Amino acid sequence: MEERDEEQAPVEIPYRELSADALRGVIEHFVLREGTDYGVQEASFERKIADVMRQLERREAKIVFDPVTESVTLMPR
């Protein structure tokens, strides 16, 4: 049973292993579905994408694939 649980565990996907288009798509999907509070000034869509990319580059966030739900998300480290 442990082996089956390990097969179902979420898997980190290194962002550098994705093509530029795939990475952009993952980030866009995340930005569009996540509510983010930027304070008094609202951030542009492009700024939000750049912010997420910076977090990935700084290893503050990671991309995770969940084989159970067959979905991809970004998570803080």
C-alpha atoms as a PDB file:
ATOM      1  CA  MET A   1       0.000   0.000   0.000  1.00  0.00           C
ATOM      2  CA  GLU A   2       2.882   2.403   0.726  1.00  0.00           C
ATOM      3  CA  GLU A   3       4.091   2.030  -2.854  1.00  0.00           C
ATOM      4  CA  ARG A   4       0.647   2.980  -4.147  1.00  0.00           C
ATOM      5  CA  ASP A   5       0.579   6.059  -1.855  1.00  0.00           C
ATOM      6  CA  GLU A   6       3.992   7.141  -3.182  1.00  0.00           C
ATOM      7  CA  GLU A   7       2.730   6.809  -6.747  1.00  0.00           C
ATOM      8  CA  GLN A   8      -0.153   9.126  -5.883  1.00  0.00           C
ATOM      9  CA  ALA A   9       1.970  11.727  -4.085  1.00  0.00           C
ATOM     10  CA  PRO A  10       2.245  15.184  -5.682  1.00  0.00           C
ATOM     11  CA  VAL A  11       5.378  15.669  -7.770  1.00  0.00           C
ATOM     12  CA  GLU A  12       7.415  18.863  -8.020  1.00  0.00           C
ATOM     13  CA  ILE A  13       8.057  19.931 -11.613  1.00  0.00           C
ATOM     14  CA  PRO A  14      11.234  22.038 -11.970  1.00  0.00           C
ATOM     15  CA  TYR A  15      10.138  25.147 -13.850  1.00  0.00           C
ATOM     16  CA  ARG A  16      13.274  25.091 -16.005  1.00  0.00           C
ATOM     17  CA  GLU A  17      12.192  21.750 -17.468  1.00  0.00           C
ATOM     18  CA  LEU A  18       9.076  23.302 -19.011  1.00  0.00           C
ATOM     19  CA  SER A  19       9.107  25.028 -22.375  1.00  0.00           C
ATOM     20  CA  ALA A  20       8.653  28.794 -22.264  1.00  0.00           C
ATOM     21  CA  ASP A  21       5.090  28.429 -23.577  1.00  0.00           C
ATOM     22  CA  ALA A  22       4.170  25.703 -21.073  1.00  0.00           C
ATOM     23  CA  LEU A  23       5.626  27.693 -18.170  1.00  0.00           C
ATOM     24  CA  ARG A  24       3.760  30.807 -19.250  1.00  0.00           C
ATOM     25  CA  GLY A  25       0.536  28.776 -19.477  1.00  0.00           C
ATOM     26  CA  VAL A  26       0.967  27.333 -15.972  1.00  0.00           C
ATOM     27  CA  ILE A  27       1.662  30.778 -14.518  1.00  0.00           C
ATOM     28  CA  GLU A  28      -1.246  32.410 -16.402  1.00  0.00           C
ATOM     29  CA  HIS A  29      -3.642  29.705 -15.232  1.00  0.00           C
ATOM     30  CA  PHE A  30      -2.488  30.203 -11.644  1.00  0.00           C
ATOM     31  CA  VAL A  31      -2.745  34.002 -11.785  1.00  0.00           C
ATOM     32  CA  LEU A  32      -6.220  33.871 -13.332  1.00  0.00           C
ATOM     33  CA  ARG A  33      -7.660  31.519 -10.704  1.00  0.00           C
ATOM     34  CA  GLU A  34      -5.928  32.761  -7.563  1.00  0.00           C
ATOM     35  CA  GLY A  35      -7.230  35.830  -5.772  1.00  0.00           C
ATOM     36  CA  THR A  36      -4.285  38.002  -4.855  1.00  0.00           C
ATOM     37  CA  ASP A  37      -4.438  41.156  -2.784  1.00  0.00           C
ATOM     38  CA  TYR A  38      -1.979  43.759  -4.018  1.00  0.00           C
ATOM     39  CA  GLY A  39      -3.204  46.437  -1.643  1.00  0.00           C
ATOM     40  CA  VAL A  40      -4.623  49.763  -2.741  1.00  0.00           C
ATOM     41  CA  GLN A  41      -3.148  49.566  -6.261  1.00  0.00           C
ATOM     42  CA  GLU A  42      -4.196  46.676  -8.445  1.00  0.00           C
ATOM     43  CA  ALA A  43      -1.338  44.978 -10.290  1.00  0.00           C
ATOM     44  CA  SER A  44      -1.542  44.338 -14.032  1.00  0.00           C
ATOM     45  CA  PHE A  45      -1.793  40.813 -15.355  1.00  0.00           C
ATOM     46  CA  GLU A  46       1.763  41.050 -16.724  1.00  0.00           C
ATOM     47  CA  ARG A  47       3.095  42.240 -13.370  1.00  0.00           C
ATOM     48  CA  LYS A  48       1.418  39.323 -11.607  1.00  0.00           C
ATOM     49  CA  ILE A  49       3.020  36.910 -14.081  1.00  0.00           C
ATOM     50  CA  ALA A  50       6.426  38.544 -13.571  1.00  0.00           C
ATOM     51  CA  ASP A  51       5.990  38.346  -9.778  1.00  0.00           C
ATOM     52  CA  VAL A  52       5.249  34.609  -9.936  1.00  0.00           C
ATOM     53  CA  MET A  53       8.208  34.031 -12.262  1.00  0.00           C
ATOM     54  CA  ARG A  54      10.497  35.851  -9.815  1.00  0.00           C
ATOM     55  CA  GLN A  55       9.206  33.667  -6.978  1.00  0.00           C
ATOM     56  CA  LEU A  56      10.034  30.553  -9.009  1.00  0.00           C
ATOM     57  CA  GLU A  57      13.509  31.876  -9.851  1.00  0.00           C
ATOM     58  CA  ARG A  58      14.187  32.691  -6.190  1.00  0.00           C
ATOM     59  CA  ARG A  59      12.894  29.245  -5.165  1.00  0.00           C
ATOM     60  CA  GLU A  60      10.176  30.862  -3.050  1.00  0.00           C
ATOM     61  CA  ALA A  61       7.521  28.944  -5.002  1.00  0.00           C
ATOM     62  CA  LYS A  62       7.351  25.629  -6.814  1.00  0.00           C
ATOM     63  CA  ILE A  63       5.215  23.970  -9.485  1.00  0.00           C
ATOM     64  CA  VAL A  64       3.473  20.810  -8.312  1.00  0.00           C
ATOM     65  CA  PHE A  65       1.604  18.161 -10.313  1.00  0.00           C
ATOM     66  CA  ASP A  66      -1.044  16.173  -8.435  1.00  0.00           C
ATOM     67  CA  PRO A  67      -1.552  12.790 -10.140  1.00  0.00           C
ATOM     68  CA  VAL A  68      -4.775  12.154  -8.220  1.00  0.00           C
ATOM     69  CA  THR A  69      -6.537  15.231  -9.597  1.00  0.00           C
ATOM     70  CA  GLU A  70      -4.295  15.451 -12.682  1.00  0.00           C
ATOM     71  CA  SER A  71      -3.793  19.147 -12.000  1.00  0.00           C
ATOM     72  CA  VAL A  72      -0.891  21.533 -11.745  1.00  0.00           C
ATOM     73  CA  THR A  73      -0.557  24.337  -9.237  1.00  0.00           C
ATOM     74  CA  LEU A  74       2.019  26.640  -7.717  1.00  0.00           C
ATOM     75  CA  MET A  75       2.806  26.483  -4.022  1.00  0.00           C
ATOM     76  CA  PRO A  76       5.051  28.387  -1.635  1.00  0.00           C
ATOM     77  CA  ARG A  77       8.135  26.481  -0.524  1.00  0.00           C
END
